[in-house]
Amino acid sequence: MADKIFENNQVSIIGEIVSDFQYSHEVYGEGFYMVDVSVSRLSNFVDYIPVMVSERLIDVTGDYIGRYVYIGGQFRSFNRHEEKKNRLVLSVFARELEIMEDAGDESASNQIFLDGYICKESVYRKTPLGREIADLLVAVNRSYGKSDYIPCICWGRNARFASGFAVGTHVQIWGRIQSREYVKKISETEVEQRTAYEVSVSKIEFLE
């Protein structure tokens, strides 16, 4: 069962470590730390992806900034309560970690596969230039009755296809994790720069 759960949410990224390890929490005596990894797109844009790492995978006191790393794991979510409502927080949970000498094959540096269910009505829209977009929220089962809720964005033909999916539709998605900066209005006089994370979909299929 655990293997099947692992198979429905698979991430592999290769990138550059750009932060120190910051303590997050502890579970049964095992410490977990957050680290930021920059991953280049073929367009030369850079995504900054937060990764949660166990202290058992690497010496979290070491200085690895500037080093390349391979991460294999899952894209996970949890709800953080703030400003009187919940905010979805996303990160890559590392199951494997390997320090590398160079960036390796950049075309394979950011890959994700999800097998889950549409859990919110899709939002279809067009950009001012006429590009079609569909926003999806996909629930992916985890062990112990938990689920991860992963925002996904489809373009063009995939957006038209996905816009017709009903809530509860079983889908499989292939794509990449991307980061996107936006401005959050905190009050009438205050705004905050934030980063959102989502899956940019390259292929989507629905299962009967």
C-alpha atoms as a PDB file:
ATOM      1  CA  MET A   1       0.000   0.000   0.000  1.00  0.00           C
ATOM      2  CA  ALA A   2       2.782   2.437   0.924  1.00  0.00           C
ATOM      3  CA  ASP A   3       4.474   1.851  -2.447  1.00  0.00           C
ATOM      4  CA  LYS A   4       1.217   2.593  -4.278  1.00  0.00           C
ATOM      5  CA  ILE A   5       0.755   5.813  -2.299  1.00  0.00           C
ATOM      6  CA  PHE A   6       4.313   6.837  -3.157  1.00  0.00           C
ATOM      7  CA  GLU A   7       3.738   6.117  -6.864  1.00  0.00           C
ATOM      8  CA  ASN A   8       0.833   8.566  -7.170  1.00  0.00           C
ATOM      9  CA  ASN A   9       2.994  11.593  -6.294  1.00  0.00           C
ATOM     10  CA  GLN A  10       6.518  11.572  -7.726  1.00  0.00           C
ATOM     11  CA  VAL A  11       8.879  14.523  -7.985  1.00  0.00           C
ATOM     12  CA  SER A  12      12.434  14.717  -9.216  1.00  0.00           C
ATOM     13  CA  ILE A  13      14.376  17.993  -9.361  1.00  0.00           C
ATOM     14  CA  ILE A  14      17.988  18.943  -9.981  1.00  0.00           C
ATOM     15  CA  GLY A  15      19.030  22.423  -8.968  1.00  0.00           C
ATOM     16  CA  GLU A  16      21.299  24.676  -6.959  1.00  0.00           C
ATOM     17  CA  ILE A  17      20.999  25.050  -3.197  1.00  0.00           C
ATOM     18  CA  VAL A  18      20.482  28.774  -2.516  1.00  0.00           C
ATOM     19  CA  SER A  19      19.789  28.910   1.228  1.00  0.00           C
ATOM     20  CA  ASP A  20      20.916  27.443   4.522  1.00  0.00           C
ATOM     21  CA  PHE A  21      18.879  24.687   6.170  1.00  0.00           C
ATOM     22  CA  GLN A  22      16.198  26.202   8.432  1.00  0.00           C
ATOM     23  CA  TYR A  23      14.684  24.091  11.226  1.00  0.00           C
ATOM     24  CA  SER A  24      11.012  23.242  10.610  1.00  0.00           C
ATOM     25  CA  HIS A  25       9.795  20.596  13.058  1.00  0.00           C
ATOM     26  CA  GLU A  26      10.512  17.250  14.668  1.00  0.00           C
ATOM     27  CA  VAL A  27       8.673  13.906  14.400  1.00  0.00           C
ATOM     28  CA  TYR A  28       9.570  11.013  16.707  1.00  0.00           C
ATOM     29  CA  GLY A  29      13.023  12.481  17.340  1.00  0.00           C
ATOM     30  CA  GLU A  30      13.739  13.103  13.636  1.00  0.00           C
ATOM     31  CA  GLY A  31      14.397  16.747  12.736  1.00  0.00           C
ATOM     32  CA  PHE A  32      13.132  18.243   9.473  1.00  0.00           C
ATOM     33  CA  TYR A  33      14.602  21.315   7.799  1.00  0.00           C
ATOM     34  CA  MET A  34      13.621  23.599   4.894  1.00  0.00           C
ATOM     35  CA  VAL A  35      16.037  24.568   2.129  1.00  0.00           C
ATOM     36  CA  ASP A  36      15.487  26.508  -1.123  1.00  0.00           C
ATOM     37  CA  VAL A  37      16.620  25.026  -4.445  1.00  0.00           C
ATOM     38  CA  SER A  38      16.785  27.056  -7.673  1.00  0.00           C
ATOM     39  CA  VAL A  39      15.880  25.143 -10.828  1.00  0.00           C
ATOM     40  CA  SER A  40      16.444  26.641 -14.283  1.00  0.00           C
ATOM     41  CA  ARG A  41      13.811  26.431 -17.000  1.00  0.00           C
ATOM     42  CA  LEU A  42      14.788  26.020 -20.656  1.00  0.00           C
ATOM     43  CA  SER A  43      13.578  29.635 -21.079  1.00  0.00           C
ATOM     44  CA  ASN A  44      16.347  30.719 -18.634  1.00  0.00           C
ATOM     45  CA  PHE A  45      13.723  31.665 -16.041  1.00  0.00           C
ATOM     46  CA  VAL A  46      14.516  30.268 -12.568  1.00  0.00           C
ATOM     47  CA  ASP A  47      12.044  28.602 -10.207  1.00  0.00           C
ATOM     48  CA  TYR A  48      12.805  28.677  -6.482  1.00  0.00           C
ATOM     49  CA  ILE A  49      11.407  25.522  -4.895  1.00  0.00           C
ATOM     50  CA  PRO A  50      11.185  24.923  -1.120  1.00  0.00           C
ATOM     51  CA  VAL A  51      12.331  21.449  -0.082  1.00  0.00           C
ATOM     52  CA  MET A  52      11.766  19.720   3.264  1.00  0.00           C
ATOM     53  CA  VAL A  53      14.726  17.500   4.217  1.00  0.00           C
ATOM     54  CA  SER A  54      15.283  15.082   7.098  1.00  0.00           C
ATOM     55  CA  GLU A  55      18.481  15.518   9.103  1.00  0.00           C
ATOM     56  CA  ARG A  56      19.066  11.818   8.351  1.00  0.00           C
ATOM     57  CA  LEU A  57      19.577  12.550   4.640  1.00  0.00           C
ATOM     58  CA  ILE A  58      22.291  15.212   4.939  1.00  0.00           C
ATOM     59  CA  ASP A  59      24.393  17.112   7.491  1.00  0.00           C
ATOM     60  CA  VAL A  60      22.071  20.099   7.899  1.00  0.00           C
ATOM     61  CA  THR A  61      24.815  22.101   9.653  1.00  0.00           C
ATOM     62  CA  GLY A  62      27.019  22.053   6.531  1.00  0.00           C
ATOM     63  CA  ASP A  63      27.375  24.884   4.011  1.00  0.00           C
ATOM     64  CA  TYR A  64      25.968  23.679   0.688  1.00  0.00           C
ATOM     65  CA  ILE A  65      25.012  27.023  -0.878  1.00  0.00           C
ATOM     66  CA  GLY A  66      26.033  26.973  -4.544  1.00  0.00           C
ATOM     67  CA  ARG A  67      26.167  23.167  -4.697  1.00  0.00           C
ATOM     68  CA  TYR A  68      23.976  21.201  -7.117  1.00  0.00           C
ATOM     69  CA  VAL A  69      21.609  18.638  -5.673  1.00  0.00           C
ATOM     70  CA  TYR A  70      19.283  15.907  -6.883  1.00  0.00           C
ATOM     71  CA  ILE A  71      16.038  15.571  -4.923  1.00  0.00           C
ATOM     72  CA  GLY A  72      13.551  12.731  -5.327  1.00  0.00           C
ATOM     73  CA  GLY A  73      10.326  12.845  -3.366  1.00  0.00           C
ATOM     74  CA  GLN A  74       6.759  14.116  -3.294  1.00  0.00           C
ATOM     75  CA  PHE A  75       4.979  17.485  -3.653  1.00  0.00           C
ATOM     76  CA  ARG A  76       3.108  18.000  -0.388  1.00  0.00           C
ATOM     77  CA  SER A  77       0.727  20.554   1.090  1.00  0.00           C
ATOM     78  CA  PHE A  78      -0.520  21.617   4.489  1.00  0.00           C
ATOM     79  CA  ASN A  79      -2.854  24.341   5.713  1.00  0.00           C
ATOM     80  CA  ARG A  80      -1.314  27.158   7.728  1.00  0.00           C
ATOM     81  CA  HIS A  81      -3.812  29.263   9.674  1.00  0.00           C
ATOM     82  CA  GLU A  82      -3.134  32.974   9.267  1.00  0.00           C
ATOM     83  CA  GLU A  83      -5.161  36.167   8.976  1.00  0.00           C
ATOM     84  CA  LYS A  84      -8.328  34.364  10.138  1.00  0.00           C
ATOM     85  CA  LYS A  85      -8.189  31.838   7.271  1.00  0.00           C
ATOM     86  CA  ASN A  86      -6.151  28.904   6.039  1.00  0.00           C
ATOM     87  CA  ARG A  87      -3.341  29.297   3.547  1.00  0.00           C
ATOM     88  CA  LEU A  88      -2.134  26.338   1.463  1.00  0.00           C
ATOM     89  CA  VAL A  89       1.617  25.866   1.913  1.00  0.00           C
ATOM     90  CA  LEU A  90       3.473  23.666  -0.606  1.00  0.00           C
ATOM     91  CA  SER A  91       6.943  22.113  -0.610  1.00  0.00           C
ATOM     92  CA  VAL A  92       8.836  19.125  -1.955  1.00  0.00           C
ATOM     93  CA  PHE A  93       9.284  16.406   0.671  1.00  0.00           C
ATOM     94  CA  ALA A  94      12.685  14.792   0.002  1.00  0.00           C
ATOM     95  CA  ARG A  95      12.894  11.001   0.129  1.00  0.00           C
ATOM     96  CA  GLU A  96      16.244  10.925  -1.695  1.00  0.00           C
ATOM     97  CA  LEU A  97      19.009  13.537  -1.803  1.00  0.00           C
ATOM     98  CA  GLU A  98      22.340  13.489  -3.586  1.00  0.00           C
ATOM     99  CA  ILE A  99      24.906  16.287  -3.863  1.00  0.00           C
ATOM    100  CA  MET A 100      26.105  16.539  -7.499  1.00  0.00           C
ATOM    101  CA  GLU A 101      29.184  17.983  -9.172  1.00  0.00           C
ATOM    102  CA  ASP A 102      27.208  19.837 -11.881  1.00  0.00           C
ATOM    103  CA  ALA A 103      23.660  20.542 -13.060  1.00  0.00           C
ATOM    104  CA  GLY A 104      23.469  17.432 -15.243  1.00  0.00           C
ATOM    105  CA  ASP A 105      20.726  17.181 -17.886  1.00  0.00           C
ATOM    106  CA  GLU A 106      18.694  20.395 -17.538  1.00  0.00           C
ATOM    107  CA  SER A 107      15.848  19.052 -19.706  1.00  0.00           C
ATOM    108  CA  ALA A 108      15.162  16.480 -16.967  1.00  0.00           C
ATOM    109  CA  SER A 109      15.801  18.814 -14.028  1.00  0.00           C
ATOM    110  CA  ASN A 110      12.189  19.322 -12.930  1.00  0.00           C
ATOM    111  CA  GLN A 111       9.599  16.579 -13.341  1.00  0.00           C
ATOM    112  CA  ILE A 112       6.414  15.659 -11.482  1.00  0.00           C
ATOM    113  CA  PHE A 113       3.740  12.988 -11.863  1.00  0.00           C
ATOM    114  CA  LEU A 114       0.442  13.106  -9.970  1.00  0.00           C
ATOM    115  CA  ASP A 115      -2.438  10.630  -9.831  1.00  0.00           C
ATOM    116  CA  GLY A 116      -5.404  12.208  -8.052  1.00  0.00           C
ATOM    117  CA  TYR A 117      -8.872  13.706  -8.182  1.00  0.00           C
ATOM    118  CA  ILE A 118     -10.244  17.110  -9.182  1.00  0.00           C
ATOM    119  CA  CYS A 119     -11.480  18.566  -5.883  1.00  0.00           C
ATOM    120  CA  LYS A 120     -12.593  22.049  -6.936  1.00  0.00           C
ATOM    121  CA  GLU A 121     -14.420  23.331  -9.996  1.00  0.00           C
ATOM    122  CA  SER A 122     -11.876  24.201 -12.691  1.00  0.00           C
ATOM    123  CA  VAL A 123     -11.445  27.861 -13.667  1.00  0.00           C
ATOM    124  CA  TYR A 124     -11.062  28.468 -17.414  1.00  0.00           C
ATOM    125  CA  ARG A 125      -9.974  31.869 -18.711  1.00  0.00           C
ATOM    126  CA  LYS A 126      -8.092  33.640 -21.478  1.00  0.00           C
ATOM    127  CA  THR A 127      -5.197  36.076 -21.182  1.00  0.00           C
ATOM    128  CA  PRO A 128      -5.457  39.504 -22.861  1.00  0.00           C
ATOM    129  CA  LEU A 129      -3.444  37.987 -25.732  1.00  0.00           C
ATOM    130  CA  GLY A 130      -5.956  35.146 -26.091  1.00  0.00           C
ATOM    131  CA  ARG A 131      -3.932  32.352 -24.478  1.00  0.00           C
ATOM    132  CA  GLU A 132      -6.176  29.748 -22.859  1.00  0.00           C
ATOM    133  CA  ILE A 133      -5.583  28.771 -19.220  1.00  0.00           C
ATOM    134  CA  ALA A 134      -7.343  26.399 -16.819  1.00  0.00           C
ATOM    135  CA  ASP A 135      -6.624  26.299 -13.083  1.00  0.00           C
ATOM    136  CA  LEU A 136      -7.180  22.970 -11.315  1.00  0.00           C
ATOM    137  CA  LEU A 137      -6.894  21.813  -7.711  1.00  0.00           C
ATOM    138  CA  VAL A 138      -5.972  18.129  -7.500  1.00  0.00           C
ATOM    139  CA  ALA A 139      -6.261  16.010  -4.343  1.00  0.00           C
ATOM    140  CA  VAL A 140      -3.619  13.273  -4.156  1.00  0.00           C
ATOM    141  CA  ASN A 141      -4.037  10.585  -1.512  1.00  0.00           C
ATOM    142  CA  ARG A 142      -1.335  10.086   1.084  1.00  0.00           C
ATOM    143  CA  SER A 143      -1.116   7.296   3.684  1.00  0.00           C
ATOM    144  CA  TYR A 144      -3.072   7.444   6.965  1.00  0.00           C
ATOM    145  CA  GLY A 145      -6.116   8.960   5.269  1.00  0.00           C
ATOM    146  CA  LYS A 146      -4.403  12.250   4.436  1.00  0.00           C
ATOM    147  CA  SER A 147      -4.364  14.057   1.080  1.00  0.00           C
ATOM    148  CA  ASP A 148      -2.204  16.692  -0.565  1.00  0.00           C
ATOM    149  CA  TYR A 149      -3.953  19.491  -2.473  1.00  0.00           C
ATOM    150  CA  ILE A 150      -1.909  20.543  -5.470  1.00  0.00           C
ATOM    151  CA  PRO A 151      -2.733  23.610  -7.647  1.00  0.00           C
ATOM    152  CA  CYS A 152      -2.152  22.859 -11.341  1.00  0.00           C
ATOM    153  CA  ILE A 153      -2.237  25.138 -14.371  1.00  0.00           C
ATOM    154  CA  CYS A 154      -3.006  23.970 -17.921  1.00  0.00           C
ATOM    155  CA  TRP A 155      -2.407  25.854 -21.159  1.00  0.00           C
ATOM    156  CA  GLY A 156      -3.918  25.823 -24.664  1.00  0.00           C
ATOM    157  CA  ARG A 157      -5.311  22.475 -25.756  1.00  0.00           C
ATOM    158  CA  ASN A 158      -4.828  21.009 -22.255  1.00  0.00           C
ATOM    159  CA  ALA A 159      -6.770  23.948 -20.766  1.00  0.00           C
ATOM    160  CA  ARG A 160      -9.749  23.364 -23.089  1.00  0.00           C
ATOM    161  CA  PHE A 161      -9.674  19.640 -22.293  1.00  0.00           C
ATOM    162  CA  ALA A 162      -9.400  20.120 -18.512  1.00  0.00           C
ATOM    163  CA  SER A 163     -12.049  22.866 -18.334  1.00  0.00           C
ATOM    164  CA  GLY A 164     -14.753  20.222 -18.757  1.00  0.00           C
ATOM    165  CA  PHE A 165     -13.661  18.036 -15.835  1.00  0.00           C
ATOM    166  CA  ALA A 166     -16.219  17.656 -13.050  1.00  0.00           C
ATOM    167  CA  VAL A 167     -15.287  17.610  -9.368  1.00  0.00           C
ATOM    168  CA  GLY A 168     -14.304  14.040  -8.499  1.00  0.00           C
ATOM    169  CA  THR A 169     -12.760  13.280 -11.912  1.00  0.00           C
ATOM    170  CA  HIS A 170      -9.794  10.904 -11.615  1.00  0.00           C
ATOM    171  CA  VAL A 171      -6.792  12.380 -13.468  1.00  0.00           C
ATOM    172  CA  GLN A 172      -3.121  11.712 -14.109  1.00  0.00           C
ATOM    173  CA  ILE A 173      -0.839  14.708 -14.635  1.00  0.00           C
ATOM    174  CA  TRP A 174       2.720  15.112 -15.891  1.00  0.00           C
ATOM    175  CA  GLY A 175       4.524  18.445 -15.685  1.00  0.00           C
ATOM    176  CA  ARG A 176       6.951  20.587 -13.701  1.00  0.00           C
ATOM    177  CA  ILE A 177       6.839  22.584 -10.466  1.00  0.00           C
ATOM    178  CA  GLN A 178       7.004  26.321 -10.960  1.00  0.00           C
ATOM    179  CA  SER A 179       7.153  29.331  -8.654  1.00  0.00           C
ATOM    180  CA  ARG A 180       5.321  32.584  -9.291  1.00  0.00           C
ATOM    181  CA  GLU A 181       5.566  35.847  -7.396  1.00  0.00           C
ATOM    182  CA  TYR A 182       2.476  37.911  -6.618  1.00  0.00           C
ATOM    183  CA  VAL A 183       1.448  40.821  -4.397  1.00  0.00           C
ATOM    184  CA  LYS A 184      -0.934  40.115  -1.493  1.00  0.00           C
ATOM    185  CA  LYS A 185      -2.983  43.016  -0.127  1.00  0.00           C
ATOM    186  CA  ILE A 186      -2.719  42.849   3.676  1.00  0.00           C
ATOM    187  CA  SER A 187      -4.658  46.030   4.461  1.00  0.00           C
ATOM    188  CA  GLU A 188      -5.655  49.322   2.864  1.00  0.00           C
ATOM    189  CA  THR A 189      -2.083  50.588   3.215  1.00  0.00           C
ATOM    190  CA  GLU A 190       0.004  47.413   3.284  1.00  0.00           C
ATOM    191  CA  VAL A 191       0.946  44.850   0.624  1.00  0.00           C
ATOM    192  CA  GLU A 192       3.252  41.839   0.812  1.00  0.00           C
ATOM    193  CA  GLN A 193       5.338  40.112  -1.863  1.00  0.00           C
ATOM    194  CA  ARG A 194       4.616  36.369  -1.835  1.00  0.00           C
ATOM    195  CA  THR A 195       5.475  33.299  -3.875  1.00  0.00           C
ATOM    196  CA  ALA A 196       2.949  30.756  -5.115  1.00  0.00           C
ATOM    197  CA  TYR A 197       3.840  27.232  -6.235  1.00  0.00           C
ATOM    198  CA  GLU A 198       1.936  25.171  -8.782  1.00  0.00           C
ATOM    199  CA  VAL A 199       2.336  22.414 -11.328  1.00  0.00           C
ATOM    200  CA  SER A 200       2.638  23.565 -14.935  1.00  0.00           C
ATOM    201  CA  VAL A 201       0.918  20.723 -16.808  1.00  0.00           C
ATOM    202  CA  SER A 202       2.511  19.297 -19.963  1.00  0.00           C
ATOM    203  CA  LYS A 203       0.196  16.263 -20.223  1.00  0.00           C
ATOM    204  CA  ILE A 204      -3.110  15.358 -18.576  1.00  0.00           C
ATOM    205  CA  GLU A 205      -5.301  12.286 -18.869  1.00  0.00           C
ATOM    206  CA  PHE A 206      -8.555  11.345 -17.164  1.00  0.00           C
ATOM    207  CA  LEU A 207      -9.272   7.837 -15.973  1.00  0.00           C
ATOM    208  CA  GLU A 208     -12.709   6.209 -16.161  1.00  0.00           C
END
